[in-house]
Amino acid sequence: MAKVNRSDIKAFMRELLLEVIKEKPGLWANIRAQKARGEKPSHPNSKAYKDAVKAGKEILKKEK
């Protein structure tokens, strides 16, 4: 069995995450659409803001 280095694993995971994100528009698509319409971002105490921060932290954890 061939050895797999960390950079290969990270590249594979990054590609996999990008595929999942492209297939199913969700939270990030909504945030970008809101920004494109010129709407203000969510207030830091709102549920939408907290969900976005949580999702961002999970993605960053998965990249490491």
PDB file of N, CA and C in Angstrom:
ATOM      1  N   MET A   1       0.849  -1.182   0.000  1.00  0.00           N
ATOM      2  CA  MET A   1       0.000   0.000   0.000  1.00  0.00           C
ATOM      3  C   MET A   1       0.893   1.244   0.000  1.00  0.00           C
ATOM      4  N   ALA A   2       0.579   2.209  -0.828  1.00  0.00           N
ATOM      5  CA  ALA A   2       1.375   3.429  -0.965  1.00  0.00           C
ATOM      6  C   ALA A   2       1.078   4.394   0.183  1.00  0.00           C
ATOM      7  N   LYS A   3       2.117   5.113   0.589  1.00  0.00           N
ATOM      8  CA  LYS A   3       1.937   6.112   1.639  1.00  0.00           C
ATOM      9  C   LYS A   3       1.249   7.340   1.057  1.00  0.00           C
ATOM     10  N   VAL A   4       0.413   7.944   1.864  1.00  0.00           N
ATOM     11  CA  VAL A   4      -0.295   9.155   1.459  1.00  0.00           C
ATOM     12  C   VAL A   4       0.151  10.275   2.393  1.00  0.00           C
ATOM     13  N   ASN A   5       0.593  11.371   1.815  1.00  0.00           N
ATOM     14  CA  ASN A   5       1.041  12.475   2.670  1.00  0.00           C
ATOM     15  C   ASN A   5      -0.112  13.427   2.983  1.00  0.00           C
ATOM     16  N   ARG A   6       0.129  14.294   3.934  1.00  0.00           N
ATOM     17  CA  ARG A   6      -0.924  15.205   4.409  1.00  0.00           C
ATOM     18  C   ARG A   6      -1.445  16.134   3.323  1.00  0.00           C
ATOM     19  N   SER A   7      -0.562  16.627   2.474  1.00  0.00           N
ATOM     20  CA  SER A   7      -1.001  17.571   1.447  1.00  0.00           C
ATOM     21  C   SER A   7      -1.968  16.905   0.466  1.00  0.00           C
ATOM     22  N   ASP A   8      -1.756  15.620   0.184  1.00  0.00           N
ATOM     23  CA  ASP A   8      -2.688  14.898  -0.681  1.00  0.00           C
ATOM     24  C   ASP A   8      -4.056  14.761  -0.020  1.00  0.00           C
ATOM     25  N   ILE A   9      -4.046  14.477   1.266  1.00  0.00           N
ATOM     26  CA  ILE A   9      -5.308  14.330   1.997  1.00  0.00           C
ATOM     27  C   ILE A   9      -6.051  15.663   2.045  1.00  0.00           C
ATOM     28  N   LYS A  10      -5.313  16.742   2.333  1.00  0.00           N
ATOM     29  CA  LYS A  10      -5.938  18.071   2.382  1.00  0.00           C
ATOM     30  C   LYS A  10      -6.520  18.455   1.032  1.00  0.00           C
ATOM     31  N   ALA A  11      -5.776  18.181  -0.042  1.00  0.00           N
ATOM     32  CA  ALA A  11      -6.270  18.509  -1.387  1.00  0.00           C
ATOM     33  C   ALA A  11      -7.529  17.718  -1.698  1.00  0.00           C
ATOM     34  N   PHE A  12      -7.543  16.438  -1.333  1.00  0.00           N
ATOM     35  CA  PHE A  12      -8.717  15.601  -1.575  1.00  0.00           C
ATOM     36  C   PHE A  12      -9.919  16.121  -0.799  1.00  0.00           C
ATOM     37  N   MET A  13      -9.726  16.454   0.481  1.00  0.00           N
ATOM     38  CA  MET A  13     -10.827  16.953   1.304  1.00  0.00           C
ATOM     39  C   MET A  13     -11.350  18.289   0.778  1.00  0.00           C
ATOM     40  N   ARG A  14     -10.437  19.154   0.340  1.00  0.00           N
ATOM     41  CA  ARG A  14     -10.839  20.449  -0.200  1.00  0.00           C
ATOM     42  C   ARG A  14     -11.706  20.256  -1.441  1.00  0.00           C
ATOM     43  N   GLU A  15     -11.279  19.357  -2.339  1.00  0.00           N
ATOM     44  CA  GLU A  15     -12.063  19.074  -3.546  1.00  0.00           C
ATOM     45  C   GLU A  15     -13.425  18.505  -3.191  1.00  0.00           C
ATOM     46  N   LEU A  16     -13.447  17.606  -2.224  1.00  0.00           N
ATOM     47  CA  LEU A  16     -14.702  16.991  -1.800  1.00  0.00           C
ATOM     48  C   LEU A  16     -15.662  18.036  -1.232  1.00  0.00           C
ATOM     49  N   LEU A  17     -15.149  18.929  -0.389  1.00  0.00           N
ATOM     50  CA  LEU A  17     -15.991  19.984   0.183  1.00  0.00           C
ATOM     51  C   LEU A  17     -16.523  20.918  -0.900  1.00  0.00           C
ATOM     52  N   LEU A  18     -15.675  21.255  -1.860  1.00  0.00           N
ATOM     53  CA  LEU A  18     -16.118  22.139  -2.943  1.00  0.00           C
ATOM     54  C   LEU A  18     -17.217  21.480  -3.773  1.00  0.00           C
ATOM     55  N   GLU A  19     -17.116  20.170  -3.995  1.00  0.00           N
ATOM     56  CA  GLU A  19     -18.165  19.454  -4.729  1.00  0.00           C
ATOM     57  C   GLU A  19     -19.478  19.509  -3.975  1.00  0.00           C
ATOM     58  N   VAL A  20     -19.425  19.275  -2.685  1.00  0.00           N
ATOM     59  CA  VAL A  20     -20.641  19.278  -1.866  1.00  0.00           C
ATOM     60  C   VAL A  20     -21.268  20.664  -1.864  1.00  0.00           C
ATOM     61  N   ILE A  21     -20.442  21.686  -1.739  1.00  0.00           N
ATOM     62  CA  ILE A  21     -20.950  23.058  -1.709  1.00  0.00           C
ATOM     63  C   ILE A  21     -21.577  23.425  -3.050  1.00  0.00           C
ATOM     64  N   LYS A  22     -20.958  23.002  -4.159  1.00  0.00           N
ATOM     65  CA  LYS A  22     -21.490  23.320  -5.483  1.00  0.00           C
ATOM     66  C   LYS A  22     -22.806  22.609  -5.736  1.00  0.00           C
ATOM     67  N   GLU A  23     -22.953  21.387  -5.238  1.00  0.00           N
ATOM     68  CA  GLU A  23     -24.163  20.605  -5.483  1.00  0.00           C
ATOM     69  C   GLU A  23     -25.372  21.172  -4.766  1.00  0.00           C
ATOM     70  N   LYS A  24     -25.169  21.633  -3.561  1.00  0.00           N
ATOM     71  CA  LYS A  24     -26.304  22.052  -2.750  1.00  0.00           C
ATOM     72  C   LYS A  24     -26.091  23.473  -2.238  1.00  0.00           C
ATOM     73  N   PRO A  25     -26.700  24.453  -2.884  1.00  0.00           N
ATOM     74  CA  PRO A  25     -26.553  25.812  -2.369  1.00  0.00           C
ATOM     75  C   PRO A  25     -27.236  25.902  -1.005  1.00  0.00           C
ATOM     76  N   GLY A  26     -26.597  26.540  -0.103  1.00  0.00           N
ATOM     77  CA  GLY A  26     -27.147  26.619   1.238  1.00  0.00           C
ATOM     78  C   GLY A  26     -26.834  27.940   1.881  1.00  0.00           C
ATOM     79  N   LEU A  27     -26.287  27.856   3.063  1.00  0.00           N
ATOM     80  CA  LEU A  27     -26.033  29.034   3.868  1.00  0.00           C
ATOM     81  C   LEU A  27     -25.137  30.035   3.151  1.00  0.00           C
ATOM     82  N   TRP A  28     -24.021  29.566   2.577  1.00  0.00           N
ATOM     83  CA  TRP A  28     -23.086  30.483   1.934  1.00  0.00           C
ATOM     84  C   TRP A  28     -23.695  31.124   0.691  1.00  0.00           C
ATOM     85  N   ALA A  29     -24.488  30.377  -0.046  1.00  0.00           N
ATOM     86  CA  ALA A  29     -25.159  30.943  -1.217  1.00  0.00           C
ATOM     87  C   ALA A  29     -26.123  32.037  -0.789  1.00  0.00           C
ATOM     88  N   ASN A  30     -26.795  31.815   0.322  1.00  0.00           N
ATOM     89  CA  ASN A  30     -27.727  32.818   0.835  1.00  0.00           C
ATOM     90  C   ASN A  30     -26.991  34.078   1.285  1.00  0.00           C
ATOM     91  N   ILE A  31     -25.847  33.895   1.931  1.00  0.00           N
ATOM     92  CA  ILE A  31     -25.069  35.047   2.392  1.00  0.00           C
ATOM     93  C   ILE A  31     -24.570  35.855   1.201  1.00  0.00           C
ATOM     94  N   ARG A  32     -24.056  35.168   0.182  1.00  0.00           N
ATOM     95  CA  ARG A  32     -23.552  35.871  -1.008  1.00  0.00           C
ATOM     96  C   ARG A  32     -24.680  36.582  -1.756  1.00  0.00           C
ATOM     97  N   ALA A  33     -25.853  35.949  -1.841  1.00  0.00           N
ATOM     98  CA  ALA A  33     -26.990  36.572  -2.516  1.00  0.00           C
ATOM     99  C   ALA A  33     -27.434  37.822  -1.768  1.00  0.00           C
ATOM    100  N   GLN A  34     -27.455  37.734  -0.459  1.00  0.00           N
ATOM    101  CA  GLN A  34     -27.846  38.885   0.358  1.00  0.00           C
ATOM    102  C   GLN A  34     -26.872  40.037   0.131  1.00  0.00           C
ATOM    103  N   LYS A  35     -25.585  39.718   0.088  1.00  0.00           N
ATOM    104  CA  LYS A  35     -24.566  40.734  -0.135  1.00  0.00           C
ATOM    105  C   LYS A  35     -24.712  41.347  -1.528  1.00  0.00           C
ATOM    106  N   ALA A  36     -25.010  40.512  -2.536  1.00  0.00           N
ATOM    107  CA  ALA A  36     -25.163  40.988  -3.912  1.00  0.00           C
ATOM    108  C   ALA A  36     -26.364  41.926  -4.040  1.00  0.00           C
ATOM    109  N   ARG A  37     -27.408  41.674  -3.245  1.00  0.00           N
ATOM    110  CA  ARG A  37     -28.596  42.539  -3.275  1.00  0.00           C
ATOM    111  C   ARG A  37     -28.351  43.854  -2.547  1.00  0.00           C
ATOM    112  N   GLY A  38     -27.237  43.946  -1.844  1.00  0.00           N
ATOM    113  CA  GLY A  38     -26.921  45.176  -1.134  1.00  0.00           C
ATOM    114  C   GLY A  38     -27.519  45.246   0.254  1.00  0.00           C
ATOM    115  N   GLU A  39     -27.994  44.134   0.762  1.00  0.00           N
ATOM    116  CA  GLU A  39     -28.577  44.118   2.101  1.00  0.00           C
ATOM    117  C   GLU A  39     -27.474  44.126   3.158  1.00  0.00           C
ATOM    118  N   LYS A  40     -27.826  44.600   4.330  1.00  0.00           N
ATOM    119  CA  LYS A  40     -26.877  44.613   5.435  1.00  0.00           C
ATOM    120  C   LYS A  40     -26.644  43.177   5.911  1.00  0.00           C
ATOM    121  N   PRO A  41     -25.442  42.885   6.427  1.00  0.00           N
ATOM    122  CA  PRO A  41     -25.207  41.560   6.999  1.00  0.00           C
ATOM    123  C   PRO A  41     -26.026  41.369   8.270  1.00  0.00           C
ATOM    124  N   SER A  42     -26.178  40.138   8.670  1.00  0.00           N
ATOM    125  CA  SER A  42     -26.952  39.834   9.869  1.00  0.00           C
ATOM    126  C   SER A  42     -26.296  40.436  11.111  1.00  0.00           C
ATOM    127  N   HIS A  43     -27.123  40.783  12.065  1.00  0.00           N
ATOM    128  CA  HIS A  43     -26.640  41.321  13.334  1.00  0.00           C
ATOM    129  C   HIS A  43     -25.910  40.204  14.090  1.00  0.00           C
ATOM    130  N   PRO A  44     -24.786  40.508  14.754  1.00  0.00           N
ATOM    131  CA  PRO A  44     -24.006  39.474  15.439  1.00  0.00           C
ATOM    132  C   PRO A  44     -24.770  38.669  16.487  1.00  0.00           C
ATOM    133  N   ASN A  45     -25.898  39.156  16.942  1.00  0.00           N
ATOM    134  CA  ASN A  45     -26.660  38.408  17.931  1.00  0.00           C
ATOM    135  C   ASN A  45     -27.790  37.592  17.299  1.00  0.00           C
ATOM    136  N   SER A  46     -27.897  37.618  15.974  1.00  0.00           N
ATOM    137  CA  SER A  46     -28.987  36.895  15.322  1.00  0.00           C
ATOM    138  C   SER A  46     -28.628  35.429  15.120  1.00  0.00           C
ATOM    139  N   LYS A  47     -29.635  34.608  14.950  1.00  0.00           N
ATOM    140  CA  LYS A  47     -29.427  33.179  14.730  1.00  0.00           C
ATOM    141  C   LYS A  47     -28.683  32.933  13.421  1.00  0.00           C
ATOM    142  N   ALA A  48     -28.993  33.687  12.376  1.00  0.00           N
ATOM    143  CA  ALA A  48     -28.338  33.510  11.082  1.00  0.00           C
ATOM    144  C   ALA A  48     -26.841  33.773  11.191  1.00  0.00           C
ATOM    145  N   TYR A  49     -26.468  34.809  11.917  1.00  0.00           N
ATOM    146  CA  TYR A  49     -25.050  35.137  12.098  1.00  0.00           C
ATOM    147  C   TYR A  49     -24.335  34.032  12.875  1.00  0.00           C
ATOM    148  N   LYS A  50     -24.967  33.570  13.941  1.00  0.00           N
ATOM    149  CA  LYS A  50     -24.364  32.516  14.757  1.00  0.00           C
ATOM    150  C   LYS A  50     -24.205  31.230  13.948  1.00  0.00           C
ATOM    151  N   ASP A  51     -25.196  30.896  13.118  1.00  0.00           N
ATOM    152  CA  ASP A  51     -25.103  29.711  12.259  1.00  0.00           C
ATOM    153  C   ASP A  51     -23.965  29.846  11.256  1.00  0.00           C
ATOM    154  N   ALA A  52     -23.797  31.029  10.695  1.00  0.00           N
ATOM    155  CA  ALA A  52     -22.730  31.258   9.717  1.00  0.00           C
ATOM    156  C   ALA A  52     -21.357  31.117  10.362  1.00  0.00           C
ATOM    157  N   VAL A  53     -21.200  31.658  11.551  1.00  0.00           N
ATOM    158  CA  VAL A  53     -19.920  31.561  12.254  1.00  0.00           C
ATOM    159  C   VAL A  53     -19.624  30.097  12.585  1.00  0.00           C
ATOM    160  N   LYS A  54     -20.628  29.384  13.047  1.00  0.00           N
ATOM    161  CA  LYS A  54     -20.453  27.969  13.392  1.00  0.00           C
ATOM    162  C   LYS A  54     -20.051  27.158  12.158  1.00  0.00           C
ATOM    163  N   ALA A  55     -20.724  27.395  11.040  1.00  0.00           N
ATOM    164  CA  ALA A  55     -20.406  26.673   9.806  1.00  0.00           C
ATOM    165  C   ALA A  55     -18.990  26.989   9.338  1.00  0.00           C
ATOM    166  N   GLY A  56     -18.589  28.233   9.443  1.00  0.00           N
ATOM    167  CA  GLY A  56     -17.241  28.629   9.050  1.00  0.00           C
ATOM    168  C   GLY A  56     -16.184  27.953   9.903  1.00  0.00           C
ATOM    169  N   LYS A  57     -16.420  27.874  11.197  1.00  0.00           N
ATOM    170  CA  LYS A  57     -15.471  27.223  12.089  1.00  0.00           C
ATOM    171  C   LYS A  57     -15.364  25.732  11.791  1.00  0.00           C
ATOM    172  N   GLU A  58     -16.484  25.091  11.462  1.00  0.00           N
ATOM    173  CA  GLU A  58     -16.460  23.660  11.119  1.00  0.00           C
ATOM    174  C   GLU A  58     -15.669  23.420   9.857  1.00  0.00           C
ATOM    175  N   ILE A  59     -15.810  24.290   8.876  1.00  0.00           N
ATOM    176  CA  ILE A  59     -15.058  24.139   7.628  1.00  0.00           C
ATOM    177  C   ILE A  59     -13.571  24.311   7.894  1.00  0.00           C
ATOM    178  N   LEU A  60     -13.207  25.278   8.719  1.00  0.00           N
ATOM    179  CA  LEU A  60     -11.799  25.493   9.027  1.00  0.00           C
ATOM    180  C   LEU A  60     -11.209  24.309   9.795  1.00  0.00           C
ATOM    181  N   LYS A  61     -11.999  23.704  10.684  1.00  0.00           N
ATOM    182  CA  LYS A  61     -11.535  22.527  11.420  1.00  0.00           C
ATOM    183  C   LYS A  61     -11.249  21.376  10.465  1.00  0.00           C
ATOM    184  N   LYS A  62     -12.126  21.214   9.477  1.00  0.00           N
ATOM    185  CA  LYS A  62     -11.987  20.112   8.525  1.00  0.00           C
ATOM    186  C   LYS A  62     -10.765  20.298   7.625  1.00  0.00           C
ATOM    187  N   GLU A  63     -10.389  21.547   7.368  1.00  0.00           N
ATOM    188  CA  GLU A  63      -9.219  21.810   6.517  1.00  0.00           C
ATOM    189  C   GLU A  63      -7.925  21.473   7.229  1.00  0.00           C
ATOM    190  N   LYS A  64      -7.904  21.557   8.541  1.00  0.00           N
ATOM    191  CA  LYS A  64      -6.661  21.303   9.290  1.00  0.00           C
ATOM    192  C   LYS A  64      -6.381  19.869   9.400  1.00  0.00           C
TER     193      LYS A  64
END
